PDB file of N, CA and C in Angstrom:
ATOM      1  N   UNK A   1      56.191  30.229  -5.612  1.00  0.00           N
ATOM      2  CA  UNK A   1      57.694  29.333  -6.044  1.00  0.00           C
ATOM      3  C   UNK A   1      57.482  29.009  -7.348  1.00  0.00           C
ATOM      4  N   UNK A   2      56.373  28.725  -7.622  1.00  0.00           N
ATOM      5  CA  UNK A   2      56.166  27.942  -9.005  1.00  0.00           C
ATOM      6  C   UNK A   2      56.195  29.063 -10.228  1.00  0.00           C
ATOM      7  N   UNK A   3      55.597  29.948  -9.988  1.00  0.00           N
ATOM      8  CA  UNK A   3      55.854  31.462 -10.745  1.00  0.00           C
ATOM      9  C   UNK A   3      57.175  31.353 -11.176  1.00  0.00           C
ATOM     10  N   UNK A   4      58.005  31.580 -10.236  1.00  0.00           N
ATOM     11  CA  UNK A   4      59.279  32.329 -10.258  1.00  0.00           C
ATOM     12  C   UNK A   4      60.117  30.874 -11.127  1.00  0.00           C
ATOM     13  N   UNK A   5      59.600  29.574 -11.255  1.00  0.00           N
ATOM     14  CA  UNK A   5      60.093  28.612 -11.733  1.00  0.00           C
ATOM     15  C   UNK A   5      59.910  28.717 -12.938  1.00  0.00           C
ATOM     16  N   UNK A   6      58.489  29.143 -13.435  1.00  0.00           N
ATOM     17  CA  UNK A   6      57.980  29.521 -14.499  1.00  0.00           C
ATOM     18  C   UNK A   6      59.037  30.287 -15.472  1.00  0.00           C
ATOM     19  N   UNK A   7      59.064  31.752 -14.468  1.00  0.00           N
ATOM     20  CA  UNK A   7      59.686  32.938 -15.506  1.00  0.00           C
ATOM     21  C   UNK A   7      61.156  32.395 -15.567  1.00  0.00           C
ATOM     22  N   UNK A   8      61.999  31.621 -14.913  1.00  0.00           N
ATOM     23  CA  UNK A   8      62.980  31.247 -15.211  1.00  0.00           C
ATOM     24  C   UNK A   8      63.218  29.902 -16.266  1.00  0.00           C
ATOM     25  N   UNK A   9      62.517  29.183 -16.729  1.00  0.00           N
ATOM     26  CA  UNK A   9      62.054  28.225 -17.624  1.00  0.00           C
ATOM     27  C   UNK A   9      61.749  29.234 -19.216  1.00  0.00           C
ATOM     28  N   UNK A  10      60.919  30.667 -18.951  1.00  0.00           N
ATOM     29  CA  UNK A  10      60.470  31.132 -20.636  1.00  0.00           C
ATOM     30  C   UNK A  10      62.074  31.668 -20.965  1.00  0.00           C
ATOM     31  N   UNK A  11      62.684  31.984 -19.632  1.00  0.00           N
ATOM     32  CA  UNK A  11      64.004  33.279 -19.639  1.00  0.00           C
ATOM     33  C   UNK A  11      64.691  32.327 -20.574  1.00  0.00           C
ATOM     34  N   UNK A  12      65.179  31.100 -19.937  1.00  0.00           N
ATOM     35  CA  UNK A  12      65.870  30.267 -20.682  1.00  0.00           C
ATOM     36  C   UNK A  12      65.546  29.882 -22.273  1.00  0.00           C
ATOM     37  N   UNK A  13      64.079  29.363 -21.917  1.00  0.00           N
ATOM     38  CA  UNK A  13      63.910  29.378 -23.460  1.00  0.00           C
ATOM     39  C   UNK A  13      64.567  30.433 -24.366  1.00  0.00           C
ATOM     40  N   UNK A  14      64.124  31.405 -24.067  1.00  0.00           N
ATOM     41  CA  UNK A  14      64.289  32.905 -25.155  1.00  0.00           C
ATOM     42  C   UNK A  14      66.076  32.877 -25.829  1.00  0.00           C
ATOM     43  N   UNK A  15      66.483  32.277 -24.379  1.00  0.00           N
ATOM     44  CA  UNK A  15      68.225  32.179 -24.698  1.00  0.00           C
ATOM     45  C   UNK A  15      68.291  31.179 -25.313  1.00  0.00           C
ATOM     46  N   UNK A  16      67.753  30.395 -25.443  1.00  0.00           N
ATOM     47  CA  UNK A  16      68.176  29.120 -26.218  1.00  0.00           C
ATOM     48  C   UNK A  16      67.350  29.207 -27.572  1.00  0.00           C
ATOM     49  N   UNK A  17      66.757  29.830 -28.058  1.00  0.00           N
ATOM     50  CA  UNK A  17      65.889  29.976 -29.314  1.00  0.00           C
ATOM     51  C   UNK A  17      66.811  31.386 -30.091  1.00  0.00           C
ATOM     52  N   UNK A  18      67.719  32.168 -29.459  1.00  0.00           N
ATOM     53  CA  UNK A  18      68.594  32.841 -30.129  1.00  0.00           C
ATOM     54  C   UNK A  18      68.076  33.924 -30.749  1.00  0.00           C
ATOM     55  N   UNK A  19      67.107  34.725 -29.710  1.00  0.00           N
ATOM     56  CA  UNK A  19      66.557  35.795 -29.960  1.00  0.00           C
ATOM     57  C   UNK A  19      67.095  37.103 -30.617  1.00  0.00           C
ATOM     58  N   UNK A  20      68.251  36.641 -31.227  1.00  0.00           N
ATOM     59  CA  UNK A  20      68.685  37.584 -31.811  1.00  0.00           C
ATOM     60  C   UNK A  20      70.095  38.305 -31.195  1.00  0.00           C
ATOM     61  N   UNK A  21      70.131  38.152 -29.938  1.00  0.00           N
ATOM     62  CA  UNK A  21      71.381  38.431 -29.120  1.00  0.00           C
ATOM     63  C   UNK A  21      72.165  37.144 -28.912  1.00  0.00           C
ATOM     64  N   UNK A  22      73.959  38.166 -29.572  1.00  0.00           N
ATOM     65  CA  UNK A  22      74.867  37.223 -29.941  1.00  0.00           C
ATOM     66  C   UNK A  22      75.546  38.055 -28.703  1.00  0.00           C
ATOM     67  N   UNK A  23      76.533  37.437 -28.056  1.00  0.00           N
ATOM     68  CA  UNK A  23      77.499  37.839 -27.405  1.00  0.00           C
ATOM     69  C   UNK A  23      78.693  38.430 -28.289  1.00  0.00           C
ATOM     70  N   UNK A  24      79.127  39.263 -27.644  1.00  0.00           N
ATOM     71  CA  UNK A  24      80.425  40.074 -28.715  1.00  0.00           C
ATOM     72  C   UNK A  24      81.330  39.173 -28.918  1.00  0.00           C
ATOM     73  N   UNK A  25      82.022  38.223 -28.367  1.00  0.00           N
ATOM     74  CA  UNK A  25      82.539  37.126 -28.733  1.00  0.00           C
ATOM     75  C   UNK A  25      82.159  35.704 -29.460  1.00  0.00           C
ATOM     76  N   UNK A  26      80.716  35.905 -29.497  1.00  0.00           N
ATOM     77  CA  UNK A  26      80.196  34.204 -30.061  1.00  0.00           C
ATOM     78  C   UNK A  26      80.430  34.675 -31.536  1.00  0.00           C
ATOM     79  N   UNK A  27      80.196  33.549 -31.927  1.00  0.00           N
ATOM     80  CA  UNK A  27      80.179  33.409 -33.969  1.00  0.00           C
ATOM     81  C   UNK A  27      79.345  32.979 -34.314  1.00  0.00           C
ATOM     82  N   UNK A  28      78.771  33.215 -35.351  1.00  0.00           N
ATOM     83  CA  UNK A  28      77.418  32.967 -36.015  1.00  0.00           C
ATOM     84  C   UNK A  28      78.033  31.365 -36.796  1.00  0.00           C
ATOM     85  N   UNK A  29      76.658  30.908 -37.176  1.00  0.00           N
ATOM     86  CA  UNK A  29      76.872  29.370 -37.624  1.00  0.00           C
ATOM     87  C   UNK A  29      76.152  29.733 -39.133  1.00  0.00           C
ATOM     88  N   UNK A  30      76.531  28.989 -39.805  1.00  0.00           N
ATOM     89  CA  UNK A  30      76.735  29.067 -41.392  1.00  0.00           C
ATOM     90  C   UNK A  30      75.051  29.170 -41.961  1.00  0.00           C
ATOM     91  N   UNK A  31      74.254  28.718 -41.188  1.00  0.00           N
ATOM     92  CA  UNK A  31      72.972  28.815 -41.801  1.00  0.00           C
ATOM     93  C   UNK A  31      72.473  29.899 -41.372  1.00  0.00           C
ATOM     94  N   UNK A  32      72.927  30.675 -39.927  1.00  0.00           N
ATOM     95  CA  UNK A  32      72.739  32.123 -39.546  1.00  0.00           C
ATOM     96  C   UNK A  32      73.099  33.194 -40.879  1.00  0.00           C
ATOM     97  N   UNK A  33      74.405  32.836 -41.145  1.00  0.00           N
ATOM     98  CA  UNK A  33      75.337  33.458 -41.983  1.00  0.00           C
ATOM     99  C   UNK A  33      74.709  33.741 -43.088  1.00  0.00           C
ATOM    100  N   UNK A  34      74.374  32.188 -43.753  1.00  0.00           N
ATOM    101  CA  UNK A  34      73.654  32.564 -45.010  1.00  0.00           C
ATOM    102  C   UNK A  34      72.199  33.536 -44.879  1.00  0.00           C
ATOM    103  N   UNK A  35      71.100  33.016 -44.194  1.00  0.00           N
ATOM    104  CA  UNK A  35      70.158  33.643 -43.905  1.00  0.00           C
ATOM    105  C   UNK A  35      70.407  35.477 -43.928  1.00  0.00           C
ATOM    106  N   UNK A  36      71.734  35.715 -42.913  1.00  0.00           N
ATOM    107  CA  UNK A  36      71.868  37.275 -42.965  1.00  0.00           C
ATOM    108  C   UNK A  36      71.986  38.035 -44.623  1.00  0.00           C
ATOM    109  N   UNK A  37      72.844  37.002 -45.212  1.00  0.00           N
ATOM    110  CA  UNK A  37      73.502  37.415 -46.530  1.00  0.00           C
ATOM    111  C   UNK A  37      72.412  37.596 -47.168  1.00  0.00           C
ATOM    112  N   UNK A  38      71.533  36.900 -47.356  1.00  0.00           N
ATOM    113  CA  UNK A  38      70.336  36.695 -48.366  1.00  0.00           C
ATOM    114  C   UNK A  38      69.441  37.884 -47.996  1.00  0.00           C
ATOM    115  N   UNK A  39      69.149  38.586 -46.726  1.00  0.00           N
ATOM    116  CA  UNK A  39      68.589  39.825 -46.418  1.00  0.00           C
ATOM    117  C   UNK A  39      69.560  40.817 -46.787  1.00  0.00           C
ATOM    118  N   UNK A  40      70.938  40.879 -46.414  1.00  0.00           N
ATOM    119  CA  UNK A  40      71.828  41.976 -47.327  1.00  0.00           C
ATOM    120  C   UNK A  40      71.742  42.040 -48.545  1.00  0.00           C
ATOM    121  N   UNK A  41      71.988  40.912 -49.392  1.00  0.00           N
ATOM    122  CA  UNK A  41      71.601  41.201 -50.890  1.00  0.00           C
ATOM    123  C   UNK A  41      70.123  41.550 -51.593  1.00  0.00           C
ATOM    124  N   UNK A  42      69.351  41.138 -50.650  1.00  0.00           N
ATOM    125  CA  UNK A  42      67.793  41.490 -51.438  1.00  0.00           C
ATOM    126  C   UNK A  42      67.841  42.887 -50.915  1.00  0.00           C
ATOM    127  N   UNK A  43      67.926  43.841 -49.732  1.00  0.00           N
ATOM    128  CA  UNK A  43      68.073  45.042 -49.322  1.00  0.00           C
ATOM    129  C   UNK A  43      68.884  45.557 -50.464  1.00  0.00           C
ATOM    130  N   UNK A  44      69.774  45.575 -50.373  1.00  0.00           N
ATOM    131  CA  UNK A  44      70.695  46.286 -51.346  1.00  0.00           C
ATOM    132  C   UNK A  44      70.365  46.161 -52.999  1.00  0.00           C
ATOM    133  N   UNK A  45      69.929  45.143 -53.387  1.00  0.00           N
ATOM    134  CA  UNK A  45      69.560  44.980 -55.127  1.00  0.00           C
ATOM    135  C   UNK A  45      68.369  45.132 -54.998  1.00  0.00           C
ATOM    136  N   UNK A  46      67.610  45.103 -54.033  1.00  0.00           N
ATOM    137  CA  UNK A  46      65.988  45.368 -53.823  1.00  0.00           C
ATOM    138  C   UNK A  46      65.273  44.499 -55.141  1.00  0.00           C
ATOM    139  N   UNK A  47      66.341  43.330 -55.247  1.00  0.00           N
ATOM    140  CA  UNK A  47      65.775  41.806 -56.048  1.00  0.00           C
ATOM    141  C   UNK A  47      65.577  40.213 -55.272  1.00  0.00           C
ATOM    142  N   UNK A  48      64.520  39.764 -55.706  1.00  0.00           N
ATOM    143  CA  UNK A  48      64.368  38.760 -55.046  1.00  0.00           C
ATOM    144  C   UNK A  48      65.348  37.236 -55.349  1.00  0.00           C
ATOM    145  N   UNK A  49      65.448  37.005 -53.855  1.00  0.00           N
ATOM    146  CA  UNK A  49      66.766  36.225 -53.666  1.00  0.00           C
ATOM    147  C   UNK A  49      65.950  34.798 -53.883  1.00  0.00           C
ATOM    148  N   UNK A  50      66.813  34.226 -55.044  1.00  0.00           N
ATOM    149  CA  UNK A  50      66.491  32.736 -55.129  1.00  0.00           C
ATOM    150  C   UNK A  50      66.978  31.921 -54.223  1.00  0.00           C
ATOM    151  N   UNK A  51      68.041  31.704 -53.696  1.00  0.00           N
ATOM    152  CA  UNK A  51      68.734  31.087 -52.591  1.00  0.00           C
ATOM    153  C   UNK A  51      70.085  31.317 -52.590  1.00  0.00           C
ATOM    154  N   UNK A  52      70.828  30.636 -51.703  1.00  0.00           N
ATOM    155  CA  UNK A  52      72.459  30.808 -51.419  1.00  0.00           C
ATOM    156  C   UNK A  52      72.618  29.545 -52.088  1.00  0.00           C
ATOM    157  N   UNK A  53      73.810  29.443 -52.910  1.00  0.00           N
ATOM    158  CA  UNK A  53      74.696  28.485 -53.689  1.00  0.00           C
ATOM    159  C   UNK A  53      75.907  27.699 -52.847  1.00  0.00           C
ATOM    160  N   UNK A  54      76.441  28.738 -51.864  1.00  0.00           N
ATOM    161  CA  UNK A  54      77.358  28.571 -51.008  1.00  0.00           C
ATOM    162  C   UNK A  54      77.756  29.462 -49.966  1.00  0.00           C
ATOM    163  N   UNK A  55      78.113  28.832 -49.057  1.00  0.00           N
ATOM    164  CA  UNK A  55      78.833  29.643 -47.625  1.00  0.00           C
ATOM    165  C   UNK A  55      79.735  28.689 -47.474  1.00  0.00           C
ATOM    166  N   UNK A  56      80.710  29.353 -46.965  1.00  0.00           N
ATOM    167  CA  UNK A  56      82.016  29.048 -46.546  1.00  0.00           C
ATOM    168  C   UNK A  56      82.987  30.438 -45.439  1.00  0.00           C
ATOM    169  N   UNK A  57      83.659  29.471 -44.422  1.00  0.00           N
ATOM    170  CA  UNK A  57      84.240  30.114 -43.702  1.00  0.00           C
ATOM    171  C   UNK A  57      85.266  31.096 -44.211  1.00  0.00           C
ATOM    172  N   UNK A  58      86.078  32.396 -44.363  1.00  0.00           N
ATOM    173  CA  UNK A  58      87.366  33.029 -44.422  1.00  0.00           C
ATOM    174  C   UNK A  58      88.058  33.159 -43.369  1.00  0.00           C
ATOM    175  N   UNK A  59      89.125  33.874 -43.691  1.00  0.00           N
ATOM    176  CA  UNK A  59      90.159  34.535 -43.051  1.00  0.00           C
ATOM    177  C   UNK A  59      89.313  35.398 -41.887  1.00  0.00           C
ATOM    178  N   UNK A  60      88.561  36.273 -42.754  1.00  0.00           N
ATOM    179  CA  UNK A  60      87.694  37.030 -41.786  1.00  0.00           C
ATOM    180  C   UNK A  60      86.413  37.272 -41.365  1.00  0.00           C
ATOM    181  N   UNK A  61      85.988  35.945 -41.401  1.00  0.00           N
ATOM    182  CA  UNK A  61      84.289  35.799 -41.403  1.00  0.00           C
ATOM    183  C   UNK A  61      83.881  34.845 -42.500  1.00  0.00           C
ATOM    184  N   UNK A  62      82.802  35.152 -43.524  1.00  0.00           N
ATOM    185  CA  UNK A  62      82.180  34.271 -44.369  1.00  0.00           C
ATOM    186  C   UNK A  62      82.550  34.563 -45.752  1.00  0.00           C
ATOM    187  N   UNK A  63      82.207  33.979 -46.254  1.00  0.00           N
ATOM    188  CA  UNK A  63      81.915  34.337 -48.067  1.00  0.00           C
ATOM    189  C   UNK A  63      80.745  33.492 -48.381  1.00  0.00           C
ATOM    190  N   UNK A  64      79.629  34.402 -48.898  1.00  0.00           N
ATOM    191  CA  UNK A  64      78.697  33.605 -49.601  1.00  0.00           C
ATOM    192  C   UNK A  64      78.322  34.217 -50.836  1.00  0.00           C
ATOM    193  N   UNK A  65      77.714  33.027 -51.204  1.00  0.00           N
ATOM    194  CA  UNK A  65      77.017  33.149 -52.757  1.00  0.00           C
ATOM    195  C   UNK A  65      75.651  33.117 -52.751  1.00  0.00           C
ATOM    196  N   UNK A  66      75.217  34.318 -53.479  1.00  0.00           N
ATOM    197  CA  UNK A  66      73.511  34.368 -53.317  1.00  0.00           C
ATOM    198  C   UNK A  66      73.044  34.595 -54.751  1.00  0.00           C
ATOM    199  N   UNK A  67      72.077  33.445 -55.284  1.00  0.00           N
ATOM    200  CA  UNK A  67      71.254  33.525 -56.400  1.00  0.00           C
ATOM    201  C   UNK A  67      70.202  34.576 -56.565  1.00  0.00           C
ATOM    202  N   UNK A  68      70.044  35.595 -57.271  1.00  0.00           N
ATOM    203  CA  UNK A  68      68.987  36.461 -57.172  1.00  0.00           C
ATOM    204  C   UNK A  68      68.446  36.525 -58.708  1.00  0.00           C
ATOM    205  N   UNK A  69      67.183  36.327 -58.664  1.00  0.00           N
ATOM    206  CA  UNK A  69      66.128  37.045 -59.905  1.00  0.00           C
ATOM    207  C   UNK A  69      66.396  38.466 -60.650  1.00  0.00           C
ATOM    208  N   UNK A  70      67.341  38.343 -61.408  1.00  0.00           N
ATOM    209  CA  UNK A  70      67.661  39.899 -62.087  1.00  0.00           C
ATOM    210  C   UNK A  70      66.870  40.302 -62.814  1.00  0.00           C
ATOM    211  N   UNK A  71      66.372  39.520 -63.639  1.00  0.00           N
ATOM    212  CA  UNK A  71      64.914  39.991 -64.731  1.00  0.00           C
ATOM    213  C   UNK A  71      64.117  38.930 -64.795  1.00  0.00           C
ATOM    214  N   UNK A  72      62.744  38.908 -64.414  1.00  0.00           N
ATOM    215  CA  UNK A  72      61.356  38.128 -64.269  1.00  0.00           C
ATOM    216  C   UNK A  72      61.194  38.286 -65.881  1.00  0.00           C
ATOM    217  N   UNK A  73      60.949  37.276 -66.619  1.00  0.00           N
ATOM    218  CA  UNK A  73      60.351  37.286 -67.751  1.00  0.00           C
ATOM    219  C   UNK A  73      59.522  36.124 -67.893  1.00  0.00           C
ATOM    220  N   UNK A  74      59.065  36.497 -69.238  1.00  0.00           N
ATOM    221  CA  UNK A  74      57.572  35.168 -69.547  1.00  0.00           C
ATOM    222  C   UNK A  74      57.818  34.598 -70.927  1.00  0.00           C
ATOM    223  N   UNK A  75      58.101  33.354 -70.464  1.00  0.00           N
ATOM    224  CA  UNK A  75      58.020  31.955 -69.651  1.00  0.00           C
ATOM    225  C   UNK A  75      59.243  32.513 -68.693  1.00  0.00           C
ATOM    226  N   UNK A  76      59.038  31.707 -67.856  1.00  0.00           N
ATOM    227  CA  UNK A  76      59.857  31.859 -66.363  1.00  0.00           C
ATOM    228  C   UNK A  76      61.401  31.007 -66.592  1.00  0.00           C
ATOM    229  N   UNK A  77      61.144  30.235 -67.633  1.00  0.00           N
ATOM    230  CA  UNK A  77      62.299  29.570 -68.209  1.00  0.00           C
ATOM    231  C   UNK A  77      63.323  30.504 -68.826  1.00  0.00           C
ATOM    232  N   UNK A  78      62.919  31.550 -69.318  1.00  0.00           N
ATOM    233  CA  UNK A  78      63.835  32.647 -69.548  1.00  0.00           C
ATOM    234  C   UNK A  78      64.141  33.725 -68.567  1.00  0.00           C
ATOM    235  N   UNK A  79      63.854  33.754 -67.183  1.00  0.00           N
ATOM    236  CA  UNK A  79      64.504  34.387 -66.860  1.00  0.00           C
ATOM    237  C   UNK A  79      65.939  34.605 -66.573  1.00  0.00           C
ATOM    238  N   UNK A  80      66.760  35.665 -65.754  1.00  0.00           N
ATOM    239  CA  UNK A  80      68.035  36.037 -65.853  1.00  0.00           C
ATOM    240  C   UNK A  80      68.092  35.768 -64.375  1.00  0.00           C
ATOM    241  N   UNK A  81      69.136  35.137 -63.990  1.00  0.00           N
ATOM    242  CA  UNK A  81      69.550  35.221 -62.599  1.00  0.00           C
ATOM    243  C   UNK A  81      70.878  35.698 -62.485  1.00  0.00           C
ATOM    244  N   UNK A  82      71.278  35.835 -61.482  1.00  0.00           N
ATOM    245  CA  UNK A  82      72.436  36.178 -60.922  1.00  0.00           C
ATOM    246  C   UNK A  82      73.127  35.844 -59.821  1.00  0.00           C
ATOM    247  N   UNK A  83      74.282  35.824 -60.184  1.00  0.00           N
ATOM    248  CA  UNK A  83      75.419  35.030 -58.198  1.00  0.00           C
ATOM    249  C   UNK A  83      75.836  36.442 -58.075  1.00  0.00           C
ATOM    250  N   UNK A  84      75.664  36.786 -56.657  1.00  0.00           N
ATOM    251  CA  UNK A  84      76.198  37.828 -56.191  1.00  0.00           C
ATOM    252  C   UNK A  84      77.326  37.087 -54.773  1.00  0.00           C
ATOM    253  N   UNK A  85      78.315  37.754 -55.146  1.00  0.00           N
ATOM    254  CA  UNK A  85      79.096  37.252 -53.802  1.00  0.00           C
ATOM    255  C   UNK A  85      79.293  38.272 -52.463  1.00  0.00           C
ATOM    256  N   UNK A  86      78.818  37.525 -51.508  1.00  0.00           N
ATOM    257  CA  UNK A  86      78.718  38.934 -50.097  1.00  0.00           C
ATOM    258  C   UNK A  86      79.781  38.236 -49.004  1.00  0.00           C
ATOM    259  N   UNK A  87      80.660  38.612 -48.650  1.00  0.00           N
ATOM    260  CA  UNK A  87      81.595  38.840 -47.628  1.00  0.00           C
ATOM    261  C   UNK A  87      80.850  39.518 -46.259  1.00  0.00           C
ATOM    262  N   UNK A  88      80.807  38.334 -45.269  1.00  0.00           N
ATOM    263  CA  UNK A  88      80.205  38.729 -43.870  1.00  0.00           C
ATOM    264  C   UNK A  88      81.775  38.647 -42.992  1.00  0.00           C
ATOM    265  N   UNK A  89      81.244  39.871 -42.039  1.00  0.00           N
ATOM    266  CA  UNK A  89      82.190  39.367 -40.544  1.00  0.00           C
ATOM    267  C   UNK A  89      81.841  38.125 -39.865  1.00  0.00           C
ATOM    268  N   UNK A  90      82.522  37.813 -39.005  1.00  0.00           N
ATOM    269  CA  UNK A  90      82.054  36.512 -38.114  1.00  0.00           C
ATOM    270  C   UNK A  90      80.416  36.994 -37.346  1.00  0.00           C
ATOM    271  N   UNK A  91      80.055  37.775 -37.215  1.00  0.00           N
ATOM    272  CA  UNK A  91      79.046  38.371 -36.808  1.00  0.00           C
ATOM    273  C   UNK A  91      77.547  38.414 -37.877  1.00  0.00           C
ATOM    274  N   UNK A  92      78.525  38.594 -39.008  1.00  0.00           N
ATOM    275  CA  UNK A  92      76.671  38.779 -40.203  1.00  0.00           C
ATOM    276  C   UNK A  92      76.825  39.811 -40.955  1.00  0.00           C
ATOM    277  N   UNK A  93      77.860  40.922 -40.256  1.00  0.00           N
ATOM    278  CA  UNK A  93      77.491  42.220 -40.584  1.00  0.00           C
ATOM    279  C   UNK A  93      78.104  42.480 -42.269  1.00  0.00           C
ATOM    280  N   UNK A  94      77.647  42.886 -43.260  1.00  0.00           N
ATOM    281  CA  UNK A  94      78.213  42.811 -44.353  1.00  0.00           C
ATOM    282  C   UNK A  94      79.497  43.584 -44.567  1.00  0.00           C
ATOM    283  N   UNK A  95      80.240  43.548 -44.995  1.00  0.00           N
ATOM    284  CA  UNK A  95      81.716  43.716 -45.078  1.00  0.00           C
ATOM    285  C   UNK A  95      81.453  44.752 -46.885  1.00  0.00           C
ATOM    286  N   UNK A  96      81.189  43.355 -47.878  1.00  0.00           N
ATOM    287  CA  UNK A  96      81.773  43.666 -49.058  1.00  0.00           C
ATOM    288  C   UNK A  96      80.700  42.688 -49.997  1.00  0.00           C
ATOM    289  N   UNK A  97      80.021  42.988 -51.134  1.00  0.00           N
ATOM    290  CA  UNK A  97      79.490  42.301 -52.159  1.00  0.00           C
ATOM    291  C   UNK A  97      79.693  42.576 -53.687  1.00  0.00           C
ATOM    292  N   UNK A  98      79.671  41.871 -54.479  1.00  0.00           N
ATOM    293  CA  UNK A  98      79.470  41.936 -55.969  1.00  0.00           C
ATOM    294  C   UNK A  98      79.023  40.922 -56.891  1.00  0.00           C
ATOM    295  N   UNK A  99      78.440  41.347 -58.194  1.00  0.00           N
ATOM    296  CA  UNK A  99      77.971  40.523 -58.316  1.00  0.00           C
ATOM    297  C   UNK A  99      78.884  39.752 -59.320  1.00  0.00           C
ATOM    298  N   UNK A 100      78.682  38.311 -59.695  1.00  0.00           N
ATOM    299  CA  UNK A 100      79.981  37.767 -60.186  1.00  0.00           C
ATOM    300  C   UNK A 100      79.500  37.172 -61.640  1.00  0.00           C
ATOM    301  N   UNK A 101      77.667  36.946 -61.761  1.00  0.00           N
ATOM    302  CA  UNK A 101      77.743  36.178 -62.842  1.00  0.00           C
ATOM    303  C   UNK A 101      76.323  36.823 -63.232  1.00  0.00           C
ATOM    304  N   UNK A 102      76.006  36.406 -64.135  1.00  0.00           N
ATOM    305  CA  UNK A 102      74.623  36.711 -64.835  1.00  0.00           C
ATOM    306  C   UNK A 102      74.659  35.631 -66.016  1.00  0.00           C
ATOM    307  N   UNK A 103      73.048  34.887 -65.937  1.00  0.00           N
ATOM    308  CA  UNK A 103      72.987  34.088 -66.281  1.00  0.00           C
ATOM    309  C   UNK A 103      71.439  33.611 -67.040  1.00  0.00           C
ATOM    310  N   UNK A 104      70.875  33.053 -68.058  1.00  0.00           N
ATOM    311  CA  UNK A 104      69.459  32.348 -67.952  1.00  0.00           C
ATOM    312  C   UNK A 104      69.008  31.500 -67.349  1.00  0.00           C
ATOM    313  N   UNK A 105      68.499  31.598 -66.269  1.00  0.00           N
ATOM    314  CA  UNK A 105      67.548  29.831 -65.836  1.00  0.00           C
ATOM    315  C   UNK A 105      67.912  29.066 -66.309  1.00  0.00           C
ATOM    316  N   UNK A 106      67.972  27.867 -65.939  1.00  0.00           N
ATOM    317  CA  UNK A 106      68.182  26.890 -66.518  1.00  0.00           C
ATOM    318  C   UNK A 106      69.474  26.306 -67.138  1.00  0.00           C
ATOM    319  N   UNK A 107      70.531  27.340 -67.429  1.00  0.00           N
ATOM    320  CA  UNK A 107      71.689  27.736 -68.527  1.00  0.00           C
ATOM    321  C   UNK A 107      72.730  26.541 -67.407  1.00  0.00           C
ATOM    322  N   UNK A 108      73.434  26.030 -68.407  1.00  0.00           N
ATOM    323  CA  UNK A 108      74.483  25.218 -67.907  1.00  0.00           C
ATOM    324  C   UNK A 108      75.541  25.970 -67.112  1.00  0.00           C
ATOM    325  N   UNK A 109      76.634  25.141 -66.718  1.00  0.00           N
ATOM    326  CA  UNK A 109      77.786  25.905 -65.705  1.00  0.00           C
ATOM    327  C   UNK A 109      78.723  25.672 -66.955  1.00  0.00           C
ATOM    328  N   UNK A 110      78.809  25.748 -68.092  1.00  0.00           N
ATOM    329  CA  UNK A 110      79.709  25.487 -68.936  1.00  0.00           C
ATOM    330  C   UNK A 110      80.980  26.613 -68.708  1.00  0.00           C
ATOM    331  N   UNK A 111      81.924  25.928 -68.580  1.00  0.00           N
ATOM    332  CA  UNK A 111      83.227  26.674 -68.580  1.00  0.00           C
ATOM    333  C   UNK A 111      83.735  26.950 -66.630  1.00  0.00           C
ATOM    334  N   UNK A 112      82.508  26.789 -65.823  1.00  0.00           N
ATOM    335  CA  UNK A 112      82.934  26.957 -64.894  1.00  0.00           C
ATOM    336  C   UNK A 112      83.526  26.069 -64.026  1.00  0.00           C
ATOM    337  N   UNK A 113      84.310  26.434 -62.815  1.00  0.00           N
ATOM    338  CA  UNK A 113      85.148  25.495 -62.495  1.00  0.00           C
ATOM    339  C   UNK A 113      84.440  25.584 -60.862  1.00  0.00           C
TER     340      UNK A 113
END
């Protein structure tokens, strides 16, 4: 009987950890969507992702901005970064993406609202 209780506990923990299985109607959290957007952009551009600069819900899913290292230079303070906008559905599938800007690392956001 103790073995059955242990198996039930293990199955409950696996479901709670979110082992990748989401129900068809279950929506993703912003942090999960941000991680999925990073994976999509990295795979499509073959570039290193620096991080996510914004994530938010839109009518049909999520809009995520991902910062990418476009051109590595020496010294690293002269690297060129880019900002990509990724549109994902509510389950984290990529619908569209585009590069919105390129800029030097440490460059000021002058003229950006």
